PDB file of N, CA and C in Angstrom:
ATOM      1  N   PRO A   1      29.429 -46.217  -0.833  1.00  0.00           N
ATOM      2  CA  PRO A   1      28.324 -45.404  -0.796  1.00  0.00           C
ATOM      3  C   PRO A   1      28.475 -44.243   0.174  1.00  0.00           C
ATOM      4  N   LYS A   2      29.231 -44.437   1.260  1.00  0.00           N
ATOM      5  CA  LYS A   2      29.440 -43.497   2.346  1.00  0.00           C
ATOM      6  C   LYS A   2      30.270 -42.319   1.626  1.00  0.00           C
ATOM      7  N   PHE A   3      31.394 -42.763   0.949  1.00  0.00           N
ATOM      8  CA  PHE A   3      32.162 -41.873   0.297  1.00  0.00           C
ATOM      9  C   PHE A   3      31.530 -41.015  -0.775  1.00  0.00           C
ATOM     10  N   LYS A   4      30.787 -41.569  -1.648  1.00  0.00           N
ATOM     11  CA  LYS A   4      30.020 -40.945  -2.609  1.00  0.00           C
ATOM     12  C   LYS A   4      28.940 -39.878  -2.059  1.00  0.00           C
ATOM     13  N   LYS A   5      28.304 -40.349  -0.968  1.00  0.00           N
ATOM     14  CA  LYS A   5      27.401 -39.480  -0.324  1.00  0.00           C
ATOM     15  C   LYS A   5      28.077 -38.220   0.206  1.00  0.00           C
ATOM     16  N   ALA A   6      29.254 -38.430   0.837  1.00  0.00           N
ATOM     17  CA  ALA A   6      30.012 -37.323   1.407  1.00  0.00           C
ATOM     18  C   ALA A   6      30.537 -36.340   0.170  1.00  0.00           C
ATOM     19  N   MET A   7      30.953 -36.820  -0.796  1.00  0.00           N
ATOM     20  CA  MET A   7      31.497 -36.017  -1.910  1.00  0.00           C
ATOM     21  C   MET A   7      30.234 -35.357  -2.640  1.00  0.00           C
ATOM     22  N   ASP A   8      29.092 -35.963  -2.669  1.00  0.00           N
ATOM     23  CA  ASP A   8      27.929 -35.308  -3.290  1.00  0.00           C
ATOM     24  C   ASP A   8      27.561 -34.196  -2.368  1.00  0.00           C
ATOM     25  N   SER A   9      27.572 -34.427  -1.070  1.00  0.00           N
ATOM     26  CA  SER A   9      27.224 -33.302  -0.139  1.00  0.00           C
ATOM     27  C   SER A   9      28.279 -32.165  -0.221  1.00  0.00           C
ATOM     28  N   TYR A  10      29.440 -32.497  -0.397  1.00  0.00           N
ATOM     29  CA  TYR A  10      30.541 -31.426  -0.592  1.00  0.00           C
ATOM     30  C   TYR A  10      30.266 -30.670  -1.820  1.00  0.00           C
ATOM     31  N   GLU A  11      29.916 -31.286  -2.807  1.00  0.00           N
ATOM     32  CA  GLU A  11      29.568 -30.523  -4.168  1.00  0.00           C
ATOM     33  C   GLU A  11      28.291 -29.680  -3.945  1.00  0.00           C
ATOM     34  N   LYS A  12      27.329 -30.336  -3.346  1.00  0.00           N
ATOM     35  CA  LYS A  12      26.069 -29.548  -3.054  1.00  0.00           C
ATOM     36  C   LYS A  12      26.318 -28.208  -2.262  1.00  0.00           C
ATOM     37  N   PHE A  13      27.223 -28.297  -1.285  1.00  0.00           N
ATOM     38  CA  PHE A  13      27.562 -27.102  -0.498  1.00  0.00           C
ATOM     39  C   PHE A  13      28.109 -26.106  -1.417  1.00  0.00           C
ATOM     40  N   PHE A  14      29.058 -26.507  -2.175  1.00  0.00           N
ATOM     41  CA  PHE A  14      29.729 -25.518  -3.092  1.00  0.00           C
ATOM     42  C   PHE A  14      28.850 -24.917  -4.181  1.00  0.00           C
ATOM     43  N   ASN A  15      27.925 -25.788  -4.583  1.00  0.00           N
ATOM     44  CA  ASN A  15      26.929 -25.208  -5.598  1.00  0.00           C
ATOM     45  C   ASN A  15      26.079 -24.137  -4.958  1.00  0.00           C
ATOM     46  N   LYS A  16      25.671 -24.384  -3.659  1.00  0.00           N
ATOM     47  CA  LYS A  16      24.914 -23.232  -2.964  1.00  0.00           C
ATOM     48  C   LYS A  16      25.737 -22.112  -2.704  1.00  0.00           C
ATOM     49  N   TYR A  17      27.026 -22.255  -2.359  1.00  0.00           N
ATOM     50  CA  TYR A  17      27.917 -21.180  -2.171  1.00  0.00           C
ATOM     51  C   TYR A  17      28.135 -20.424  -3.402  1.00  0.00           C
ATOM     52  N   ILE A  18      28.309 -21.073  -4.543  1.00  0.00           N
ATOM     53  CA  ILE A  18      28.518 -20.411  -5.813  1.00  0.00           C
ATOM     54  C   ILE A  18      27.284 -19.507  -6.161  1.00  0.00           C
ATOM     55  N   LYS A  19      26.021 -20.007  -6.035  1.00  0.00           N
ATOM     56  CA  LYS A  19      24.858 -19.242  -6.272  1.00  0.00           C
ATOM     57  C   LYS A  19      24.898 -18.059  -5.314  1.00  0.00           C
ATOM     58  N   PHE A  20      25.330 -18.226  -4.030  1.00  0.00           N
ATOM     59  CA  PHE A  20      25.365 -16.989  -3.244  1.00  0.00           C
ATOM     60  C   PHE A  20      26.381 -16.073  -3.761  1.00  0.00           C
ATOM     61  N   MET A  21      27.463 -16.518  -4.208  1.00  0.00           N
ATOM     62  CA  MET A  21      28.570 -15.546  -4.725  1.00  0.00           C
ATOM     63  C   MET A  21      28.034 -14.787  -6.001  1.00  0.00           C
ATOM     64  N   GLU A  22      27.216 -15.460  -6.778  1.00  0.00           N
ATOM     65  CA  GLU A  22      26.606 -14.833  -7.976  1.00  0.00           C
ATOM     66  C   GLU A  22      25.624 -13.749  -7.506  1.00  0.00           C
ATOM     67  N   LYS A  23      24.815 -14.061  -6.571  1.00  0.00           N
ATOM     68  CA  LYS A  23      23.904 -13.052  -5.973  1.00  0.00           C
ATOM     69  C   LYS A  23      24.716 -11.818  -5.413  1.00  0.00           C
ATOM     70  N   TYR A  24      25.763 -12.088  -4.766  1.00  0.00           N
ATOM     71  CA  TYR A  24      26.625 -11.173  -4.200  1.00  0.00           C
ATOM     72  C   TYR A  24      27.173 -10.161  -5.226  1.00  0.00           C
ATOM     73  N   GLN A  25      27.667 -10.766  -6.295  1.00  0.00           N
ATOM     74  CA  GLN A  25      28.317  -9.986  -7.389  1.00  0.00           C
ATOM     75  C   GLN A  25      27.273  -9.048  -7.982  1.00  0.00           C
ATOM     76  N   LYS A  26      26.071  -9.522  -8.098  1.00  0.00           N
ATOM     77  CA  LYS A  26      24.963  -8.704  -8.635  1.00  0.00           C
ATOM     78  C   LYS A  26      24.605  -7.569  -7.683  1.00  0.00           C
ATOM     79  N   SER A  27      24.751  -7.746  -6.450  1.00  0.00           N
ATOM     80  CA  SER A  27      24.229  -6.805  -5.507  1.00  0.00           C
ATOM     81  C   SER A  27      25.180  -6.716  -4.277  1.00  0.00           C
ATOM     82  N   PRO A  28      26.372  -6.163  -4.379  1.00  0.00           N
ATOM     83  CA  PRO A  28      27.305  -6.254  -3.297  1.00  0.00           C
ATOM     84  C   PRO A  28      26.981  -5.402  -2.156  1.00  0.00           C
ATOM     85  N   THR A  29      25.970  -4.511  -2.314  1.00  0.00           N
ATOM     86  CA  THR A  29      25.708  -3.630  -1.114  1.00  0.00           C
ATOM     87  C   THR A  29      24.372  -4.174  -0.337  1.00  0.00           C
ATOM     88  N   ASP A  30      23.918  -5.350  -0.702  1.00  0.00           N
ATOM     89  CA  ASP A  30      22.815  -5.938  -0.017  1.00  0.00           C
ATOM     90  C   ASP A  30      23.205  -6.503   1.371  1.00  0.00           C
ATOM     91  N   THR A  31      22.865  -5.783   2.332  1.00  0.00           N
ATOM     92  CA  THR A  31      23.286  -6.087   3.675  1.00  0.00           C
ATOM     93  C   THR A  31      22.702  -7.480   4.160  1.00  0.00           C
ATOM     94  N   ASP A  32      21.583  -7.956   3.600  1.00  0.00           N
ATOM     95  CA  ASP A  32      21.069  -9.195   3.943  1.00  0.00           C
ATOM     96  C   ASP A  32      21.982 -10.371   3.617  1.00  0.00           C
ATOM     97  N   LEU A  33      22.792 -10.113   2.650  1.00  0.00           N
ATOM     98  CA  LEU A  33      23.837 -11.222   2.307  1.00  0.00           C
ATOM     99  C   LEU A  33      24.876 -11.362   3.379  1.00  0.00           C
ATOM    100  N   LEU A  34      25.043 -10.472   4.254  1.00  0.00           N
ATOM    101  CA  LEU A  34      26.083 -10.648   5.243  1.00  0.00           C
ATOM    102  C   LEU A  34      25.846 -11.805   6.181  1.00  0.00           C
ATOM    103  N   THR A  35      24.403 -11.875   6.579  1.00  0.00           N
ATOM    104  CA  THR A  35      23.961 -13.002   7.314  1.00  0.00           C
ATOM    105  C   THR A  35      24.104 -14.259   6.598  1.00  0.00           C
ATOM    106  N   ASP A  36      23.795 -14.334   5.338  1.00  0.00           N
ATOM    107  CA  ASP A  36      23.913 -15.527   4.515  1.00  0.00           C
ATOM    108  C   ASP A  36      25.449 -15.904   4.449  1.00  0.00           C
ATOM    109  N   TYR A  37      26.263 -14.909   4.320  1.00  0.00           N
ATOM    110  CA  TYR A  37      27.701 -15.168   4.226  1.00  0.00           C
ATOM    111  C   TYR A  37      28.306 -15.901   5.507  1.00  0.00           C
ATOM    112  N   ALA A  38      27.774 -15.329   6.683  1.00  0.00           N
ATOM    113  CA  ALA A  38      28.213 -15.936   8.002  1.00  0.00           C
ATOM    114  C   ALA A  38      27.735 -17.403   8.074  1.00  0.00           C
ATOM    115  N   ASP A  39      26.536 -17.697   7.584  1.00  0.00           N
ATOM    116  CA  ASP A  39      26.083 -18.977   7.569  1.00  0.00           C
ATOM    117  C   ASP A  39      26.855 -20.008   6.700  1.00  0.00           C
ATOM    118  N   TYR A  40      27.242 -19.394   5.447  1.00  0.00           N
ATOM    119  CA  TYR A  40      28.085 -20.232   4.579  1.00  0.00           C
ATOM    120  C   TYR A  40      29.430 -20.567   5.211  1.00  0.00           C
ATOM    121  N   MET A  41      29.954 -19.608   5.907  1.00  0.00           N
ATOM    122  CA  MET A  41      31.374 -19.803   6.439  1.00  0.00           C
ATOM    123  C   MET A  41      31.246 -20.855   7.565  1.00  0.00           C
ATOM    124  N   SER A  42      30.180 -20.837   8.314  1.00  0.00           N
ATOM    125  CA  SER A  42      29.925 -21.950   9.222  1.00  0.00           C
ATOM    126  C   SER A  42      29.851 -23.299   8.544  1.00  0.00           C
ATOM    127  N   GLN A  43      29.003 -23.363   7.628  1.00  0.00           N
ATOM    128  CA  GLN A  43      28.849 -24.546   6.819  1.00  0.00           C
ATOM    129  C   GLN A  43      30.047 -25.063   6.242  1.00  0.00           C
ATOM    130  N   HIS A  44      30.888 -24.061   5.708  1.00  0.00           N
ATOM    131  CA  HIS A  44      32.185 -24.419   5.093  1.00  0.00           C
ATOM    132  C   HIS A  44      33.076 -25.079   6.112  1.00  0.00           C
ATOM    133  N   SER A  45      33.159 -24.648   7.355  1.00  0.00           N
ATOM    134  CA  SER A  45      34.035 -25.143   8.330  1.00  0.00           C
ATOM    135  C   SER A  45      33.563 -26.629   8.607  1.00  0.00           C
ATOM    136  N   ASP A  46      32.217 -26.773   8.721  1.00  0.00           N
ATOM    137  CA  ASP A  46      31.729 -28.133   8.893  1.00  0.00           C
ATOM    138  C   ASP A  46      31.991 -29.136   7.758  1.00  0.00           C
ATOM    139  N   THR A  47      31.853 -28.584   6.614  1.00  0.00           N
ATOM    140  CA  THR A  47      32.074 -29.404   5.331  1.00  0.00           C
ATOM    141  C   THR A  47      33.511 -29.792   5.279  1.00  0.00           C
ATOM    142  N   MET A  48      34.397 -28.782   5.429  1.00  0.00           N
ATOM    143  CA  MET A  48      35.868 -29.096   5.346  1.00  0.00           C
ATOM    144  C   MET A  48      36.291 -30.158   6.466  1.00  0.00           C
ATOM    145  N   ALA A  49      35.808 -30.039   7.576  1.00  0.00           N
ATOM    146  CA  ALA A  49      36.077 -30.961   8.688  1.00  0.00           C
ATOM    147  C   ALA A  49      35.740 -32.353   8.252  1.00  0.00           C
ATOM    148  N   LYS A  50      34.601 -32.520   7.677  1.00  0.00           N
ATOM    149  CA  LYS A  50      34.142 -33.868   7.189  1.00  0.00           C
ATOM    150  C   LYS A  50      35.045 -34.317   6.085  1.00  0.00           C
ATOM    151  N   MET A  51      35.417 -33.441   5.170  1.00  0.00           N
ATOM    152  CA  MET A  51      36.305 -33.808   4.014  1.00  0.00           C
ATOM    153  C   MET A  51      37.676 -34.231   4.654  1.00  0.00           C
ATOM    154  N   GLU A  52      38.225 -33.606   5.601  1.00  0.00           N
ATOM    155  CA  GLU A  52      39.388 -34.079   6.217  1.00  0.00           C
ATOM    156  C   GLU A  52      39.374 -35.484   6.739  1.00  0.00           C
ATOM    157  N   GLN A  53      38.268 -35.851   7.369  1.00  0.00           N
ATOM    158  CA  GLN A  53      38.101 -37.074   7.938  1.00  0.00           C
ATOM    159  C   GLN A  53      38.177 -38.176   6.741  1.00  0.00           C
ATOM    160  N   LEU A  54      37.517 -37.837   5.591  1.00  0.00           N
ATOM    161  CA  LEU A  54      37.475 -38.691   4.524  1.00  0.00           C
ATOM    162  C   LEU A  54      38.934 -38.835   3.877  1.00  0.00           C
ATOM    163  N   GLU A  55      39.642 -37.790   3.795  1.00  0.00           N
ATOM    164  CA  GLU A  55      40.956 -37.869   3.231  1.00  0.00           C
ATOM    165  C   GLU A  55      41.911 -38.581   4.042  1.00  0.00           C
ATOM    166  N   ASN A  56      41.546 -38.894   5.327  1.00  0.00           N
ATOM    167  CA  ASN A  56      42.357 -39.736   6.166  1.00  0.00           C
ATOM    168  C   ASN A  56      42.234 -41.206   5.954  1.00  0.00           C
ATOM    169  N   ASP A  57      40.980 -41.585   5.244  1.00  0.00           N
ATOM    170  CA  ASP A  57      40.697 -42.959   4.973  1.00  0.00           C
ATOM    171  C   ASP A  57      41.554 -43.362   3.861  1.00  0.00           C
ATOM    172  N   ASN A  58      41.697 -44.745   3.744  1.00  0.00           N
ATOM    173  CA  ASN A  58      42.505 -45.200   2.580  1.00  0.00           C
ATOM    174  C   ASN A  58      41.415 -45.296   1.471  1.00  0.00           C
ATOM    175  N   LEU A  59      41.527 -44.521   0.428  1.00  0.00           N
ATOM    176  CA  LEU A  59      40.651 -44.471  -0.675  1.00  0.00           C
ATOM    177  C   LEU A  59      41.088 -45.340  -1.839  1.00  0.00           C
ATOM    178  N   ASN A  60      40.055 -46.054  -2.391  1.00  0.00           N
ATOM    179  CA  ASN A  60      40.372 -46.983  -3.459  1.00  0.00           C
ATOM    180  C   ASN A  60      40.468 -46.068  -4.736  1.00  0.00           C
ATOM    181  N   SER A  61      40.765 -46.634  -5.886  1.00  0.00           N
ATOM    182  CA  SER A  61      41.013 -45.983  -7.094  1.00  0.00           C
ATOM    183  C   SER A  61      39.742 -45.307  -7.665  1.00  0.00           C
ATOM    184  N   ALA A  62      38.639 -46.016  -7.364  1.00  0.00           N
ATOM    185  CA  ALA A  62      37.297 -45.470  -7.867  1.00  0.00           C
ATOM    186  C   ALA A  62      36.937 -44.115  -7.050  1.00  0.00           C
ATOM    187  N   GLU A  63      37.192 -44.252  -5.740  1.00  0.00           N
ATOM    188  CA  GLU A  63      37.008 -43.097  -4.895  1.00  0.00           C
ATOM    189  C   GLU A  63      37.886 -41.919  -5.208  1.00  0.00           C
ATOM    190  N   ILE A  64      39.253 -42.274  -5.468  1.00  0.00           N
ATOM    191  CA  ILE A  64      40.115 -41.223  -5.856  1.00  0.00           C
ATOM    192  C   ILE A  64      39.684 -40.476  -7.145  1.00  0.00           C
ATOM    193  N   SER A  65      39.228 -41.306  -8.060  1.00  0.00           N
ATOM    194  CA  SER A  65      38.769 -40.796  -9.410  1.00  0.00           C
ATOM    195  C   SER A  65      37.444 -39.858  -9.193  1.00  0.00           C
ATOM    196  N   TYR A  66      36.487 -40.357  -8.358  1.00  0.00           N
ATOM    197  CA  TYR A  66      35.319 -39.559  -8.115  1.00  0.00           C
ATOM    198  C   TYR A  66      35.719 -38.306  -7.333  1.00  0.00           C
ATOM    199  N   TYR A  67      36.598 -38.364  -6.441  1.00  0.00           N
ATOM    200  CA  TYR A  67      37.104 -37.158  -5.775  1.00  0.00           C
ATOM    201  C   TYR A  67      37.609 -36.122  -6.671  1.00  0.00           C
ATOM    202  N   ALA A  68      38.383 -36.630  -7.561  1.00  0.00           N
ATOM    203  CA  ALA A  68      39.111 -35.716  -8.705  1.00  0.00           C
ATOM    204  C   ALA A  68      37.980 -35.156  -9.453  1.00  0.00           C
ATOM    205  N   LYS A  69      37.045 -35.835  -9.957  1.00  0.00           N
ATOM    206  CA  LYS A  69      36.048 -35.331 -10.798  1.00  0.00           C
ATOM    207  C   LYS A  69      35.122 -34.241 -10.107  1.00  0.00           C
ATOM    208  N   VAL A  70      34.815 -34.542  -8.887  1.00  0.00           N
ATOM    209  CA  VAL A  70      33.915 -33.708  -8.085  1.00  0.00           C
ATOM    210  C   VAL A  70      34.739 -32.356  -7.813  1.00  0.00           C
ATOM    211  N   THR A  71      35.948 -32.465  -7.436  1.00  0.00           N
ATOM    212  CA  THR A  71      36.890 -31.360  -7.201  1.00  0.00           C
ATOM    213  C   THR A  71      37.031 -30.499  -8.360  1.00  0.00           C
ATOM    214  N   ALA A  72      37.272 -31.078  -9.609  1.00  0.00           N
ATOM    215  CA  ALA A  72      37.419 -30.425 -10.812  1.00  0.00           C
ATOM    216  C   ALA A  72      36.234 -29.660 -11.200  1.00  0.00           C
ATOM    217  N   ARG A  73      34.993 -30.313 -11.004  1.00  0.00           N
ATOM    218  CA  ARG A  73      33.786 -29.516 -11.315  1.00  0.00           C
ATOM    219  C   ARG A  73      33.544 -28.355 -10.379  1.00  0.00           C
ATOM    220  N   ILE A  74      33.927 -28.418  -9.139  1.00  0.00           N
ATOM    221  CA  ILE A  74      33.777 -27.406  -8.182  1.00  0.00           C
ATOM    222  C   ILE A  74      34.735 -26.213  -8.587  1.00  0.00           C
ATOM    223  N   MET A  75      36.059 -26.587  -8.842  1.00  0.00           N
ATOM    224  CA  MET A  75      37.013 -25.748  -9.278  1.00  0.00           C
ATOM    225  C   MET A  75      36.522 -24.782 -10.500  1.00  0.00           C
ATOM    226  N   GLU A  76      36.011 -25.509 -11.428  1.00  0.00           N
ATOM    227  CA  GLU A  76      35.575 -24.912 -12.671  1.00  0.00           C
ATOM    228  C   GLU A  76      34.491 -23.880 -12.373  1.00  0.00           C
ATOM    229  N   LYS A  77      33.568 -24.286 -11.506  1.00  0.00           N
ATOM    230  CA  LYS A  77      32.490 -23.339 -11.258  1.00  0.00           C
ATOM    231  C   LYS A  77      33.032 -22.153 -10.451  1.00  0.00           C
ATOM    232  N   LEU A  78      33.871 -22.375  -9.492  1.00  0.00           N
ATOM    233  CA  LEU A  78      34.550 -21.357  -8.756  1.00  0.00           C
ATOM    234  C   LEU A  78      35.330 -20.334  -9.583  1.00  0.00           C
ATOM    235  N   ALA A  79      35.933 -20.849 -10.617  1.00  0.00           N
ATOM    236  CA  ALA A  79      36.794 -20.084 -11.409  1.00  0.00           C
ATOM    237  C   ALA A  79      35.782 -19.181 -12.313  1.00  0.00           C
ATOM    238  N   LYS A  80      34.701 -19.641 -12.725  1.00  0.00           N
ATOM    239  CA  LYS A  80      33.710 -18.796 -13.394  1.00  0.00           C
ATOM    240  C   LYS A  80      33.237 -17.728 -12.631  1.00  0.00           C
ATOM    241  N   VAL A  81      32.847 -18.046 -11.378  1.00  0.00           N
ATOM    242  CA  VAL A  81      32.170 -16.975 -10.486  1.00  0.00           C
ATOM    243  C   VAL A  81      33.263 -15.857 -10.095  1.00  0.00           C
ATOM    244  N   ALA A  82      34.603 -16.292 -10.223  1.00  0.00           N
ATOM    245  CA  ALA A  82      35.683 -15.348  -9.826  1.00  0.00           C
ATOM    246  C   ALA A  82      35.918 -14.428 -10.928  1.00  0.00           C
ATOM    247  N   GLN A  83      35.517 -14.626 -12.086  1.00  0.00           N
ATOM    248  CA  GLN A  83      35.830 -13.757 -13.229  1.00  0.00           C
ATOM    249  C   GLN A  83      35.111 -12.514 -13.245  1.00  0.00           C
TER     250      GLN A  83
END
């Protein structure tokens, strides 16, 4: 449960970030987005630090599978927003 909660939080962060990037693409001159970007970068640092802690744990096969699925979903969404 701890691992799944952490992965769900990880995906939730990226979902918010992707929505931000979509907003930015529609309005790249919106200066209000600069503040939002700074907040996301801070959240990104925190999120990645938590993920590093999880990666140091011995993951079982179910956890590895869930990690792969969540990561694949995030990468697919990031690829779409990068187009």
